Protein backbone atom coordinates (compact mmCIF):
# COMPACT_ATOMS: atom_id res chain seq x y z
CA UNK A 1 6.28 -14.93 -19.80
CA UNK A 2 6.69 -16.66 -16.44
CA UNK A 3 8.35 -20.05 -16.11
CA UNK A 4 7.72 -22.66 -13.43
CA UNK A 5 9.12 -26.04 -12.53
CA UNK A 6 7.24 -29.05 -13.89
CA UNK A 7 6.23 -30.77 -10.69
CA UNK A 8 9.22 -31.58 -8.47
CA UNK A 9 11.62 -31.63 -11.41
CA UNK A 10 14.10 -28.93 -12.33
CA UNK A 11 12.55 -28.60 -15.79
CA UNK A 12 11.33 -25.05 -16.45
CA UNK A 13 8.21 -24.66 -18.59
CA UNK A 14 6.21 -21.61 -19.63
CA UNK A 15 2.88 -20.98 -17.90
CA UNK A 16 1.17 -21.79 -21.20
CA UNK A 17 1.73 -24.85 -23.34
CA UNK A 18 0.81 -24.74 -27.02
CA UNK A 19 -1.25 -27.79 -27.96
CA UNK A 20 -0.34 -29.02 -31.43
CA UNK A 21 -3.43 -31.14 -32.11
CA UNK A 22 -4.81 -28.31 -34.26
CA UNK A 23 -1.82 -28.45 -36.61
CA UNK A 24 -1.13 -31.20 -39.12
CA UNK A 25 -3.51 -32.03 -41.93
CA UNK A 26 -7.15 -31.18 -42.50
CA UNK A 27 -7.54 -34.64 -44.03
CA UNK A 28 -7.59 -35.92 -40.42
CA UNK A 29 -10.10 -33.39 -39.01
CA UNK A 30 -11.62 -30.55 -40.99
CA UNK A 31 -10.75 -27.92 -38.38
CA UNK A 32 -7.05 -28.85 -38.34
CA UNK A 33 -4.69 -26.37 -40.00
CA UNK A 34 -2.28 -27.60 -42.64
CA UNK A 35 1.44 -26.96 -42.22
CA UNK A 36 1.74 -23.60 -43.95
CA UNK A 37 -1.11 -22.20 -41.85
CA UNK A 38 0.30 -23.74 -38.67
CA UNK A 39 3.82 -22.35 -38.67
CA UNK A 40 2.95 -18.75 -37.69
CA UNK A 41 1.37 -20.05 -34.47
CA UNK A 42 4.59 -21.73 -33.40
CA UNK A 43 6.62 -18.67 -34.35
CA UNK A 44 4.29 -16.31 -32.44
CA UNK A 45 4.34 -18.58 -29.40
CA UNK A 46 8.13 -18.61 -29.31
CA UNK A 47 8.22 -14.82 -29.68
CA UNK A 48 5.90 -14.56 -26.66
CA UNK A 49 8.18 -16.79 -24.59
CA UNK A 50 6.23 -20.05 -24.78
CA UNK A 51 8.76 -22.87 -24.66
CA UNK A 52 6.38 -25.82 -24.11
CA UNK A 53 4.77 -27.68 -27.03
CA UNK A 54 2.51 -30.73 -26.69
CA UNK A 55 1.61 -33.13 -29.48
CA UNK A 56 0.85 -36.86 -29.85
CA UNK A 57 1.63 -39.55 -32.37
CA UNK A 58 -2.06 -39.97 -33.23
CA UNK A 59 -2.70 -36.28 -34.01
CA UNK A 60 -3.17 -36.20 -37.78
CA UNK A 61 -1.73 -39.74 -37.67
CA UNK A 62 1.82 -38.51 -37.23
CA UNK A 63 1.67 -35.36 -39.34
CA UNK A 64 1.34 -33.12 -36.28
CA UNK A 65 4.67 -34.41 -34.98
CA UNK A 66 6.27 -33.75 -38.37
CA UNK A 67 4.88 -30.20 -38.48
CA UNK A 68 5.97 -29.59 -34.89
CA UNK A 69 9.48 -30.84 -35.48
CA UNK A 70 10.06 -28.80 -38.61
CA UNK A 71 8.72 -25.60 -37.06
CA UNK A 72 10.85 -26.01 -33.94
CA UNK A 73 13.97 -26.59 -36.04
CA UNK A 74 13.27 -23.51 -38.14
CA UNK A 75 12.29 -21.09 -35.38
CA UNK A 76 14.18 -22.19 -32.24
CA UNK A 77 17.14 -24.09 -30.90
CA UNK A 78 16.33 -27.57 -29.64
CA UNK A 79 17.70 -26.91 -26.16
CA UNK A 80 15.44 -23.86 -25.79
CA UNK A 81 12.16 -25.77 -26.02
CA UNK A 82 10.31 -28.53 -24.21
CA UNK A 83 8.69 -31.00 -26.59
CA UNK A 84 6.02 -33.34 -25.26
CA UNK A 85 4.34 -36.13 -27.17
CA UNK A 86 2.16 -39.11 -26.33
CA UNK A 87 1.66 -42.83 -27.04
CA UNK A 88 -1.33 -45.18 -26.74
CA UNK A 89 -3.88 -44.58 -29.49
CA UNK A 90 -3.99 -46.65 -32.70
CA UNK A 91 -1.43 -45.79 -35.35
CA UNK A 92 -2.59 -48.51 -37.71
CA UNK A 93 -5.07 -51.39 -38.06
CA UNK A 94 -2.88 -54.16 -36.61
CA UNK A 95 -3.27 -55.31 -32.99
CA UNK A 96 0.24 -54.27 -31.90
CA UNK A 97 0.03 -50.79 -33.41
CA UNK A 98 -1.66 -49.41 -30.31
CA UNK A 99 -1.69 -49.61 -26.52
CA UNK A 100 1.08 -49.56 -23.95
CA UNK A 101 2.80 -52.88 -24.44
CA UNK A 102 6.60 -52.90 -24.38
CA UNK A 103 6.58 -53.74 -28.08
CA UNK A 104 4.40 -50.80 -29.08
CA UNK A 105 6.09 -48.28 -26.78
CA UNK A 106 9.54 -49.14 -28.13
CA UNK A 107 8.38 -48.86 -31.74
CA UNK A 108 6.22 -45.78 -31.13
CA UNK A 109 8.94 -43.64 -29.58
CA UNK A 110 11.34 -44.39 -32.43
CA UNK A 111 8.64 -43.38 -34.91
CA UNK A 112 7.92 -40.19 -32.96
CA UNK A 113 11.61 -39.32 -32.82
CA UNK A 114 11.88 -39.73 -36.59
CA UNK A 115 8.83 -37.58 -37.25
CA UNK A 116 9.93 -34.88 -34.80
CA UNK A 117 13.46 -34.90 -36.19
CA UNK A 118 15.06 -35.04 -32.74
CA UNK A 119 17.05 -37.59 -30.78
CA UNK A 120 15.14 -37.15 -27.53
CA UNK A 121 11.69 -36.18 -26.24
CA UNK A 122 11.51 -33.97 -23.18
CA UNK A 123 8.20 -35.33 -21.85
CA UNK A 124 6.94 -38.69 -23.11
CA UNK A 125 3.39 -39.36 -21.94
CA UNK A 126 0.97 -42.25 -21.95
CA UNK A 127 -2.12 -40.85 -23.66
CA UNK A 128 -4.54 -43.05 -21.71
CA UNK A 129 -4.45 -46.01 -19.31
CA UNK A 130 -4.21 -49.39 -21.03
CA UNK A 131 -6.46 -51.96 -19.35
CA UNK A 132 -5.06 -54.71 -21.57
CA UNK A 133 -1.41 -54.32 -20.54
CA UNK A 134 0.00 -54.77 -17.03
CA UNK A 135 1.06 -51.38 -15.76
CA UNK A 136 4.35 -52.94 -14.61
CA UNK A 137 5.21 -53.75 -18.23
CA UNK A 138 4.45 -50.19 -19.29
CA UNK A 139 6.43 -48.61 -16.46
CA UNK A 140 9.50 -50.76 -17.04
CA UNK A 141 9.47 -49.97 -20.76
CA UNK A 142 9.19 -46.24 -20.05
CA UNK A 143 12.01 -46.50 -17.52
CA UNK A 144 14.19 -48.09 -20.20
CA UNK A 145 13.44 -45.22 -22.59
CA UNK A 146 14.66 -42.72 -20.01
CA UNK A 147 17.76 -44.79 -19.29
CA UNK A 148 18.46 -44.96 -23.03
CA UNK A 149 18.21 -41.18 -23.33
CA UNK A 150 15.24 -41.22 -25.68
CA UNK A 151 13.00 -39.49 -23.11
CA UNK A 152 14.03 -37.03 -20.43
CA UNK A 153 10.86 -37.30 -18.33
CA UNK A 154 7.64 -39.31 -18.46
CA UNK A 155 4.06 -38.24 -17.86
CA UNK A 156 0.53 -39.59 -17.94
CA UNK A 157 -2.88 -38.41 -19.05
CA UNK A 158 -6.49 -38.95 -18.00
CA UNK A 159 -7.15 -41.95 -15.79
CA UNK A 160 -8.66 -42.74 -12.40
CA UNK A 161 -6.73 -41.50 -9.37
CA UNK A 162 -6.32 -45.01 -7.98
CA UNK A 163 -4.67 -46.10 -11.24
CA UNK A 164 -2.24 -43.21 -11.12
CA UNK A 165 -1.51 -43.79 -7.43
CA UNK A 166 -0.70 -47.44 -8.15
CA UNK A 167 1.62 -46.45 -10.99
CA UNK A 168 3.52 -44.04 -8.73
CA UNK A 169 3.76 -46.67 -5.99
CA UNK A 170 5.08 -49.35 -8.36
CA UNK A 171 7.67 -47.00 -9.82
CA UNK A 172 8.95 -46.25 -6.32
CA UNK A 173 8.86 -49.93 -5.36
CA UNK A 174 10.97 -51.03 -8.33
CA UNK A 175 13.19 -47.97 -8.61
CA UNK A 176 11.76 -47.06 -12.00
CA UNK A 177 11.39 -43.56 -13.40
CA UNK A 178 8.35 -41.82 -11.94
CA UNK A 179 5.63 -39.92 -13.77
CA UNK A 180 6.32 -36.22 -13.25
CA UNK A 181 3.24 -34.77 -14.96
CA UNK A 182 -0.48 -35.43 -15.28
CA UNK A 183 -2.28 -34.15 -18.37
CA UNK A 184 -5.87 -34.29 -17.19
CA UNK A 185 -9.29 -33.05 -18.22
CA UNK A 186 -9.97 -29.92 -16.18
CA UNK A 187 -11.77 -26.61 -16.75
CA UNK A 188 -14.53 -24.43 -15.32
CA UNK A 189 -17.31 -26.73 -16.52
CA UNK A 190 -15.52 -29.99 -15.63
CA UNK A 191 -13.99 -29.92 -12.16
CA UNK A 192 -14.31 -33.54 -11.06
CA UNK A 193 -10.50 -33.78 -10.96
CA UNK A 194 -10.56 -31.60 -7.84
CA UNK A 195 -11.96 -34.54 -5.86
CA UNK A 196 -9.09 -37.05 -6.06
CA UNK A 197 -6.62 -36.63 -8.93
CA UNK A 198 -5.51 -33.08 -8.21
CA UNK A 199 -5.00 -33.65 -4.45
CA UNK A 200 -3.01 -36.78 -5.31
CA UNK A 201 -0.80 -34.83 -7.72
CA UNK A 202 -0.23 -32.07 -5.17
CA UNK A 203 0.71 -34.61 -2.50
CA UNK A 204 3.08 -36.45 -4.83
CA UNK A 205 4.66 -33.39 -6.42
CA UNK A 206 3.31 -34.11 -9.90
CA UNK A 207 2.91 -31.21 -12.33
CA UNK A 208 -0.61 -30.62 -13.71
CA UNK A 209 -0.97 -29.61 -17.37
CA UNK A 210 -4.72 -29.71 -18.09
CA UNK A 211 -6.06 -30.41 -21.53
CA UNK A 212 -9.08 -28.51 -22.85
CA UNK A 213 -8.87 -25.55 -20.45
CA UNK A 214 -11.54 -23.83 -22.55
CA UNK A 215 -13.70 -26.97 -22.76
CA UNK A 216 -12.93 -27.43 -26.47
CA UNK A 217 -14.09 -23.89 -27.14
CA UNK A 218 -17.26 -24.13 -25.07
CA UNK A 219 -16.01 -21.52 -22.58
CA UNK A 220 -15.36 -19.01 -25.36
CA UNK A 221 -19.04 -18.19 -24.99
CA UNK A 222 -20.08 -18.68 -28.62
CA UNK A 223 -21.96 -21.96 -28.24
CA UNK A 224 -25.68 -22.38 -27.77
CA UNK A 225 -27.84 -25.36 -27.03
CA UNK A 226 -28.17 -25.81 -30.81
CA UNK A 227 -24.51 -26.99 -30.80
CA UNK A 228 -23.81 -25.89 -34.36
CA UNK A 229 -22.16 -22.45 -34.31
CA UNK A 230 -18.61 -23.12 -35.52
CA UNK A 231 -16.88 -25.69 -37.70
CA UNK A 232 -15.24 -27.13 -34.59
CA UNK A 233 -18.55 -27.22 -32.71
CA UNK A 234 -20.39 -28.90 -35.56
CA UNK A 235 -17.73 -31.53 -36.17
CA UNK A 236 -16.66 -32.15 -32.57
CA UNK A 237 -19.15 -34.75 -31.39
CA UNK A 238 -16.83 -35.58 -28.48
CA UNK A 239 -17.42 -32.13 -27.00
CA UNK A 240 -21.16 -32.73 -27.13
CA UNK A 241 -20.65 -35.77 -24.91
CA UNK A 242 -18.55 -33.81 -22.41
CA UNK A 243 -20.43 -30.54 -22.06
CA UNK A 244 -23.74 -28.81 -22.90
CA UNK A 245 -25.50 -29.53 -19.57
CA UNK A 246 -27.83 -26.75 -18.42
CA UNK A 247 -25.55 -25.73 -15.57
CA UNK A 248 -22.61 -25.65 -18.01
CA UNK A 249 -24.40 -22.86 -19.83
CA UNK A 250 -25.01 -21.11 -16.50
CA UNK A 251 -21.27 -21.15 -15.87
CA UNK A 252 -20.60 -19.74 -19.34
CA UNK A 253 -23.05 -16.91 -18.65
CA UNK A 254 -21.10 -16.07 -15.49
CA UNK A 255 -17.87 -16.08 -17.52
CA UNK A 256 -19.40 -13.72 -20.09
CA UNK A 257 -20.75 -11.41 -17.38
CA UNK A 258 -17.37 -11.12 -15.66
CA UNK A 259 -15.63 -10.65 -19.00
CA UNK A 260 -17.93 -7.72 -19.72
CA UNK A 261 -17.17 -6.14 -16.35
CA UNK A 262 -13.41 -6.44 -16.87
CA UNK A 263 -13.34 -5.56 -20.55
CA UNK A 264 -11.97 -8.99 -21.48
CA UNK A 265 -13.03 -11.92 -23.64
CA UNK A 266 -14.80 -14.92 -22.06
CA UNK A 267 -12.00 -17.27 -23.11
CA UNK A 268 -9.51 -15.07 -21.27
CA UNK A 269 -11.56 -15.17 -18.07
CA UNK A 270 -11.86 -18.96 -18.20
CA UNK A 271 -8.13 -19.28 -18.74
CA UNK A 272 -7.31 -16.74 -16.03
CA UNK A 273 -9.45 -18.73 -13.58
CA UNK A 274 -7.31 -21.79 -14.24
CA UNK A 275 -4.03 -19.88 -14.03
CA UNK A 276 -5.09 -18.73 -10.54
CA UNK A 277 -5.16 -22.32 -9.32
CA UNK A 278 -1.83 -22.84 -7.51
CA UNK A 279 -1.66 -26.49 -8.49
CA UNK A 280 -1.87 -25.85 -12.26
CA UNK A 281 1.51 -25.78 -13.97
CA UNK A 282 0.59 -24.93 -17.57
CA UNK A 283 -2.76 -25.27 -19.33
CA UNK A 284 -2.51 -26.71 -22.84
CA UNK A 285 -4.05 -24.11 -25.12
CA UNK A 286 -5.26 -24.58 -28.68
CA UNK A 287 -5.56 -21.91 -31.36
CA UNK A 288 -6.60 -21.98 -35.00
CA UNK A 289 -6.90 -18.19 -35.31
CA UNK A 290 -4.09 -15.85 -34.30
CA UNK A 291 -6.32 -13.69 -32.11
CA UNK A 292 -7.07 -16.78 -30.01
CA UNK A 293 -3.38 -17.25 -29.28
CA UNK A 294 -2.84 -13.55 -28.57
CA UNK A 295 -5.82 -13.49 -26.20
CA UNK A 296 -4.52 -16.55 -24.36
CA UNK A 297 -1.13 -14.92 -23.89
CA UNK A 298 -2.79 -11.71 -22.65
CA UNK A 299 -4.81 -13.75 -20.11
CA UNK A 300 -1.60 -14.21 -18.14
CA UNK A 301 -1.94 -10.57 -17.05
CA UNK A 302 -5.49 -10.89 -15.67
CA UNK A 303 -5.89 -10.90 -11.90
CA UNK A 304 -9.07 -12.29 -10.36
CA UNK A 305 -9.95 -11.72 -6.72
CA UNK A 306 -11.59 -14.30 -4.47
CA UNK A 307 -15.04 -12.85 -5.07
CA UNK A 308 -14.67 -13.19 -8.84
CA UNK A 309 -13.52 -16.78 -8.51
CA UNK A 310 -16.48 -17.65 -6.27
CA UNK A 311 -18.81 -16.00 -8.78
CA UNK A 312 -17.45 -18.19 -11.58
CA UNK A 313 -17.48 -21.42 -9.59
CA UNK A 314 -20.89 -21.13 -7.90
CA UNK A 315 -23.10 -22.70 -10.64
CA UNK A 316 -21.00 -25.86 -10.91
CA UNK A 317 -22.72 -29.18 -10.32
CA UNK A 318 -21.13 -32.65 -10.25
CA UNK A 319 -20.57 -34.31 -13.63
CA UNK A 320 -20.13 -37.93 -14.61
CA UNK A 321 -16.45 -38.82 -14.87
CA UNK A 322 -15.52 -37.99 -18.45
CA UNK A 323 -12.44 -37.93 -20.64
CA UNK A 324 -10.68 -41.11 -19.56
């Protein structure tokens, strides 16, 4: 396993990050694995050298954080791993149980710390941009969390580039803690981030940890226009809004063709393409079957030449901005 710095920080993270959304309780989503089924994935990841784990308070409404925390305590030392979690989405029906107000952020991180069973979070991220809260309020609250030792670093997730640029500018202006990572929507069938967000992150020294590097399973090559092949595909209406354009299927066919030539799986080719991008720090991978995790780890060994990358990228056509 290779390790790289997260952006301009000195924090070392593995080239793959295990996404913990798939682990928690199936009562939240039918494709989510319950705790007993989840633990082997954390153990296998640690054995392979993965030290980076990403969850969120809203995944399984807190249960994912609980599962993550217990597995980390049982299989690793706290100082050996990088735990990331997120705040923004509703955690209850009341108006202040969501968003990025100072009130909610302060309460949310304490709840996450309790569920994770730790006294600090390595990377605390805003899950989305909050149009109803001044970004200055959010940034100052996050700065206070870092000063209090509850968070080591802060990060952000999908938003418009101008919003992220303003947040970075305001942090510098006021001397507040800066975002060091951007968790954005990026993969072979959704590359709109290459236009503004990724160049901004490169210029500002922000680490890029894309979510959905396999397009929620779409790039595994087992989906058809019928949209109903797997449990995840049938139940994941969000993916149907993001993908399934005709040229998306053309890209998948290219992925499958190249996989056949190289004796690899389509998912490995799609992941290898992303790992070849010099600006990508660590894609956030998901796995509900052990072979999926093993294949993702093996993708680190795949080398693609320029011709192969051009072959994969050629069918791409602009998409509406999605995932914010």
